[in-house]
C-alpha atoms as a PDB file:
ATOM      1  CA  MET A   1      63.784  54.368  -2.286  1.00  0.00           C
ATOM      2  CA  LEU A   2      62.503  50.959  -2.229  1.00  0.00           C
ATOM      3  CA  THR A   3      64.690  48.048  -1.973  1.00  0.00           C
ATOM      4  CA  ALA A   4      64.031  44.669  -3.424  1.00  0.00           C
ATOM      5  CA  VAL A   5      63.005  43.363  -0.001  1.00  0.00           C
ATOM      6  CA  TRP A   6      60.394  46.035   0.378  1.00  0.00           C
ATOM      7  CA  VAL A   7      59.001  45.315  -3.086  1.00  0.00           C
ATOM      8  CA  ALA A   8      58.835  41.597  -2.263  1.00  0.00           C
ATOM      9  CA  VAL A   9      57.049  42.363   1.026  1.00  0.00           C
ATOM     10  CA  ILE A  10      54.507  44.617  -0.741  1.00  0.00           C
ATOM     11  CA  VAL A  11      53.878  42.010  -3.452  1.00  0.00           C
ATOM     12  CA  ALA A  12      53.531  39.275  -0.817  1.00  0.00           C
ATOM     13  CA  LEU A  13      51.181  41.484   1.168  1.00  0.00           C
ATOM     14  CA  ALA A  14      49.062  42.148  -1.948  1.00  0.00           C
ATOM     15  CA  PHE A  15      48.823  38.429  -2.668  1.00  0.00           C
ATOM     16  CA  TRP A  16      47.982  37.829   0.997  1.00  0.00           C
ATOM     17  CA  VAL A  17      45.158  40.402   0.845  1.00  0.00           C
ATOM     18  CA  VAL A  18      43.796  38.857  -2.364  1.00  0.00           C
ATOM     19  CA  LEU A  19      44.032  35.388  -0.810  1.00  0.00           C
ATOM     20  CA  VAL A  20      42.200  36.543   2.328  1.00  0.00           C
ATOM     21  CA  CYS A  21      39.457  38.197   0.197  1.00  0.00           C
ATOM     22  CA  VAL A  22      38.985  34.981  -1.813  1.00  0.00           C
ATOM     23  CA  ALA A  23      38.872  32.936   1.407  1.00  0.00           C
ATOM     24  CA  VAL A  24      36.330  35.279   2.993  1.00  0.00           C
ATOM     25  CA  SER A  25      34.174  35.177  -0.141  1.00  0.00           C
ATOM     26  CA  THR A  26      34.394  31.394  -0.237  1.00  0.00           C
ATOM     27  CA  LEU A  27      33.516  31.119   3.458  1.00  0.00           C
ATOM     28  CA  ARG A  28      30.515  33.411   2.962  1.00  0.00           C
ATOM     29  CA  ARG A  29      29.253  31.267   0.088  1.00  0.00           C
ATOM     30  CA  PHE A  30      29.905  28.155   2.137  1.00  0.00           C
ATOM     31  CA  SER A  31      27.918  29.593   5.087  1.00  0.00           C
ATOM     32  CA  ARG A  32      25.000  30.372   2.730  1.00  0.00           C
ATOM     33  CA  LEU A  33      25.200  26.831   1.402  1.00  0.00           C
ATOM     34  CA  ILE A  34      25.149  25.423   4.926  1.00  0.00           C
ATOM     35  CA  GLY A  35      22.165  27.645   5.848  1.00  0.00           C
ATOM     36  CA  GLU A  36      20.185  26.528   2.754  1.00  0.00           C
ATOM     37  CA  THR A  37      21.080  22.911   3.457  1.00  0.00           C
ATOM     38  CA  SER A  38      19.930  23.294   7.067  1.00  0.00           C
ATOM     39  CA  ARG A  39      16.590  24.772   5.953  1.00  0.00           C
ATOM     40  CA  ALA A  40      16.144  22.006   3.354  1.00  0.00           C
ATOM     41  CA  VAL A  41      16.877  19.310   5.938  1.00  0.00           C
ATOM     42  CA  THR A  42      14.411  20.891   8.365  1.00  0.00           C
ATOM     43  CA  HIS A  43      11.731  21.037   5.652  1.00  0.00           C
ATOM     44  CA  LEU A  44      12.400  17.422   4.657  1.00  0.00           C
ATOM     45  CA  ARG A  45      12.225  16.347   8.289  1.00  0.00           C
ATOM     46  CA  ASP A  46       8.834  18.040   8.668  1.00  0.00           C
ATOM     47  CA  ARG A  47       7.559  16.390   5.495  1.00  0.00           C
ATOM     48  CA  SER A  48       9.024  13.033   6.418  1.00  0.00           C
ATOM     49  CA  ASP A  49       7.149  13.046   9.736  1.00  0.00           C
ATOM     50  CA  GLY A  50       3.870  13.368   7.813  1.00  0.00           C
ATOM     51  CA  LEU A  51       4.936  10.654   5.381  1.00  0.00           C
ATOM     52  CA  ILE A  52       5.907   8.344   8.212  1.00  0.00           C
ATOM     53  CA  ASP A  53       2.564   8.964   9.936  1.00  0.00           C
ATOM     54  CA  ARG A  54       0.706   8.163   6.705  1.00  0.00           C
ATOM     55  CA  GLY A  55       2.853   5.067   6.248  1.00  0.00           C
ATOM     56  CA  HIS A  56       1.992   3.901   9.779  1.00  0.00           C
ATOM     57  CA  ALA A  57      -1.715   4.519   9.108  1.00  0.00           C
ATOM     58  CA  ALA A  58      -1.503   2.468   5.896  1.00  0.00           C
ATOM     59  CA  ILE A  59       0.250  -0.337   7.748  1.00  0.00           C
ATOM     60  CA  ASP A  60      -2.425  -0.262  10.479  1.00  0.00           C
ATOM     61  CA  ARG A  61      -5.226  -0.457   7.873  1.00  0.00           C
ATOM     62  CA  THR A  62      -3.430  -3.321   6.153  1.00  0.00           C
ATOM     63  CA  ASP A  63      -3.140  -5.123   9.480  1.00  0.00           C
ATOM     64  CA  GLU A  64      -6.892  -4.686  10.083  1.00  0.00           C
ATOM     65  CA  GLN A  65      -7.675  -6.002   6.600  1.00  0.00           C
ATOM     66  CA  LEU A  66      -5.436  -9.013   7.205  1.00  0.00           C
ATOM     67  CA  ALA A  67      -7.252  -9.709  10.470  1.00  0.00           C
ATOM     68  CA  ARG A  68     -10.597  -9.557   8.647  1.00  0.00           C
ATOM     69  CA  THR A  69      -9.250 -11.806   5.911  1.00  0.00           C
ATOM     70  CA  ASP A  70      -8.126 -14.312   8.555  1.00  0.00           C
ATOM     71  CA  ALA A  71     -11.620 -14.261  10.088  1.00  0.00           C
ATOM     72  CA  ILE A  72     -13.226 -14.770   6.675  1.00  0.00           C
ATOM     73  CA  THR A  73     -10.833 -17.593   5.883  1.00  0.00           C
ATOM     74  CA  ALA A  74     -11.642 -19.267   9.192  1.00  0.00           C
ATOM     75  CA  SER A  75     -15.374 -18.991   8.520  1.00  0.00           C
ATOM     76  CA  MET A  76     -14.841 -20.344   5.005  1.00  0.00           C
ATOM     77  CA  ASP A  77     -13.037 -23.331   6.515  1.00  0.00           C
ATOM     78  CA  THR A  78     -16.086 -23.909   8.710  1.00  0.00           C
ATOM     79  CA  VAL A  79     -18.408 -23.587   5.706  1.00  0.00           C
ATOM     80  CA  THR A  80     -16.262 -26.030   3.747  1.00  0.00           C
ATOM     81  CA  ALA A  81     -16.367 -28.544   6.599  1.00  0.00           C
ATOM     82  CA  ASN A  82     -20.157 -28.146   6.897  1.00  0.00           C
ATOM     83  CA  MET A  83     -20.592 -28.578   3.148  1.00  0.00           C
ATOM     84  CA  ALA A  84     -18.462 -31.738   3.229  1.00  0.00           C
ATOM     85  CA  GLU A  85     -20.630 -33.112   6.039  1.00  0.00           C
ATOM     86  CA  LEU A  86     -23.820 -32.190   4.157  1.00  0.00           C
ATOM     87  CA  THR A  87     -22.495 -33.833   0.999  1.00  0.00           C
ATOM     88  CA  ASN A  88     -21.721 -36.957   2.982  1.00  0.00           C
ATOM     89  CA  ARG A  89     -25.248 -37.035   4.453  1.00  0.00           C
ATOM     90  CA  VAL A  90     -26.890 -36.423   1.064  1.00  0.00           C
ATOM     91  CA  SER A  91     -24.811 -39.149  -0.564  1.00  0.00           C
ATOM     92  CA  THR A  92     -25.833 -41.458   2.277  1.00  0.00           C
ATOM     93  CA  LEU A  93     -29.527 -40.661   1.681  1.00  0.00           C
ATOM     94  CA  ALA A  94     -29.303 -40.795  -2.135  1.00  0.00           C
ATOM     95  CA  PRO A  95     -30.113 -44.520  -2.428  1.00  0.00           C
ATOM     96  CA  LEU A  96     -33.151 -44.037  -0.179  1.00  0.00           C
ATOM     97  CA  ALA A  97     -34.305 -41.092  -2.322  1.00  0.00           C
ATOM     98  CA  ARG A  98     -33.901 -43.190  -5.467  1.00  0.00           C
ATOM     99  CA  LEU A  99     -35.950 -45.965  -3.852  1.00  0.00           C
ATOM    100  CA  ILE A 100     -38.715 -43.536  -2.850  1.00  0.00           C
ATOM    101  CA  ALA A 101     -38.750 -41.962  -6.305  1.00  0.00           C
ATOM    102  CA  ALA A 102     -38.921 -45.349  -7.985  1.00  0.00           C
ATOM    103  CA  SER A 103     -41.665 -46.611  -5.682  1.00  0.00           C
ATOM    104  CA  ALA A 104     -43.746 -43.418  -5.935  1.00  0.00           C
ATOM    105  CA  ASP A 105     -44.622 -44.283  -9.525  1.00  0.00           C
ATOM    106  CA  SER A 106     -45.586 -47.871  -8.750  1.00  0.00           C
ATOM    107  CA  PRO A 107     -49.240 -48.967  -8.342  1.00  0.00           C
ATOM    108  CA  LEU A 108     -48.451 -50.126  -4.827  1.00  0.00           C
ATOM    109  CA  ALA A 109     -47.679 -46.529  -3.811  1.00  0.00           C
ATOM    110  CA  ARG A 110     -50.727 -45.094  -5.598  1.00  0.00           C
ATOM    111  CA  VAL A 111     -53.184 -47.118  -3.503  1.00  0.00           C
ATOM    112  CA  PRO A 112     -52.213 -45.549  -0.134  1.00  0.00           C
ATOM    113  CA  ALA A 113     -52.155 -42.083  -1.727  1.00  0.00           C
ATOM    114  CA  PHE A 114     -55.644 -42.577  -3.124  1.00  0.00           C
ATOM    115  CA  ALA A 115     -56.866 -43.940   0.212  1.00  0.00           C
ATOM    116  CA  TYR A 116     -55.445 -40.932   2.028  1.00  0.00           C
ATOM    117  CA  GLY A 117     -57.141 -38.521  -0.382  1.00  0.00           C
ATOM    118  CA  VAL A 118     -60.524 -40.263  -0.045  1.00  0.00           C
ATOM    119  CA  ALA A 119     -60.252 -40.376   3.763  1.00  0.00           C
ATOM    120  CA  ARG A 120     -59.400 -36.690   3.902  1.00  0.00           C
ATOM    121  CA  ALA A 121     -62.289 -35.700   1.622  1.00  0.00           C
ATOM    122  CA  VAL A 122     -64.748 -37.788   3.635  1.00  0.00           C
ATOM    123  CA  GLY A 123     -63.460 -36.282   6.861  1.00  0.00           C
ATOM    124  CA  LYS A 124     -63.948 -32.754   5.545  1.00  0.00           C
ATOM    125  CA  ARG A 125     -67.489 -33.521   4.381  1.00  0.00           C
ATOM    126  CA  ARG A 126     -68.403 -34.994   7.770  1.00  0.00           C
ATOM    127  CA  ALA A 127     -66.992 -32.006   9.602  1.00  0.00           C
ATOM    128  CA  ALA A 128     -68.896 -29.639   7.329  1.00  0.00           C
ATOM    129  CA  ARG A 129     -72.178 -31.514   7.803  1.00  0.00           C
ATOM    130  CA  GLN A 130     -71.795 -31.430  11.562  1.00  0.00           C
ATOM    131  CA  ALA A 131     -71.095 -27.689  11.445  1.00  0.00           C
ATOM    132  CA  GLY A 132     -74.025 -27.081   9.085  1.00  0.00           C
ATOM    133  CA  ALA A 133     -71.899 -25.370   6.420  1.00  0.00           C
ATOM    134  CA  PRO A 134     -71.597 -26.428   2.802  1.00  0.00           C
ATOM    135  CA  ALA A 135     -68.876 -29.022   2.321  1.00  0.00           C
ATOM    136  CA  GLY A 136     -65.970 -27.515   0.409  1.00  0.00           C
ATOM    137  CA  PRO A 137     -65.908 -27.220  -3.325  1.00  0.00           C
ATOM    138  CA  GLY A 138     -68.767 -28.818  -5.136  1.00  0.00           C
ATOM    139  CA  PRO A 139     -71.236 -28.083  -7.883  1.00  0.00           C
ATOM    140  CA  VAL A 140     -72.522 -24.528  -7.753  1.00  0.00           C
ATOM    141  CA  PRO A 141     -76.006 -23.967  -9.210  1.00  0.00           C
ATOM    142  CA  LEU A 142     -75.949 -21.415 -11.998  1.00  0.00           C
ATOM    143  CA  ALA A 143     -78.642 -18.930 -12.925  1.00  0.00           C
ATOM    144  CA  PRO A 144     -80.247 -19.273 -16.367  1.00  0.00           C
ATOM    145  CA  ALA A 145     -78.170 -17.995 -19.280  1.00  0.00           C
ATOM    146  CA  GLU A 146     -80.528 -15.080 -19.987  1.00  0.00           C
ATOM    147  CA  SER A 147     -80.167 -13.706 -16.447  1.00  0.00           C
ATOM    148  CA  ARG A 148     -76.379 -13.821 -16.779  1.00  0.00           C
ATOM    149  CA  GLY A 149     -76.503 -11.926 -20.063  1.00  0.00           C
ATOM    150  CA  LEU A 150     -75.339 -14.818 -22.225  1.00  0.00           C
ATOM    151  CA  PRO A 151     -76.805 -15.549 -25.659  1.00  0.00           C
ATOM    152  CA  THR A 152     -78.777 -18.763 -26.033  1.00  0.00           C
ATOM    153  CA  ARG A 153     -79.154 -21.275 -28.855  1.00  0.00           C
ATOM    154  CA  ARG A 154     -81.625 -24.076 -29.565  1.00  0.00           C
ATOM    155  CA  VAL A 155     -80.505 -27.675 -29.823  1.00  0.00           C
ATOM    156  CA  ARG A 156     -83.203 -30.341 -30.382  1.00  0.00           C
ATOM    157  CA  GLY A 157     -85.816 -28.107 -28.921  1.00  0.00           C
ATOM    158  CA  ARG A 158     -83.868 -26.989 -25.839  1.00  0.00           C
ATOM    159  CA  GLU A 159     -82.265 -23.625 -25.234  1.00  0.00           C
ATOM    160  CA  LEU A 160     -78.577 -23.782 -24.271  1.00  0.00           C
ATOM    161  CA  ALA A 161     -76.168 -21.030 -23.327  1.00  0.00           C
ATOM    162  CA  GLY A 162     -73.634 -20.832 -26.113  1.00  0.00           C
ATOM    163  CA  ARG A 163     -70.339 -19.261 -26.810  1.00  0.00           C
ATOM    164  CA  ARG A 164     -71.413 -17.972 -30.167  1.00  0.00           C
ATOM    165  CA  GLY A 165     -74.481 -15.814 -30.049  1.00  0.00           C
ATOM    166  CA  GLY A 166     -77.783 -17.070 -31.428  1.00  0.00           C
ATOM    167  CA  GLU A 167     -76.487 -19.949 -33.573  1.00  0.00           C
ATOM    168  CA  ALA A 168     -78.613 -23.005 -33.923  1.00  0.00           C
ATOM    169  CA  GLY A 169     -76.861 -26.303 -33.586  1.00  0.00           C
END
């Protein structure tokens, strides 16, 4: 027959077996959890390498754009300096330009301009005469109105080419 000690040992053994089964089940779940976590970390590491590479590429492109912006800014500084110098020169010449503009309308300035024009025209005529060619623009003889197909009109006994056909003046 069983004594109280043996019953206590059997009950303790049953609890021990149940406790070991729960521990084994928990350890199995924990090992699955660790395996899934390991796979997730590996996957994240693989993805993070790509993200880091793309981040480095973006930083490199940004650095190139900043270098270009620095070059543009430097050239704009040069343009600004050149424009300031040009403005200074134009403002220095402005009184002279006003003087020339004011004197160009005066009779004193018209005389040399007229003399230059006459001298140039005479020079062209002389050169044309020496070459034997007609001298520049001048009167061109026209054929009679009838031969050009224009209507004629009579004024005081003379026939004239008119704009309106056949009217007498």
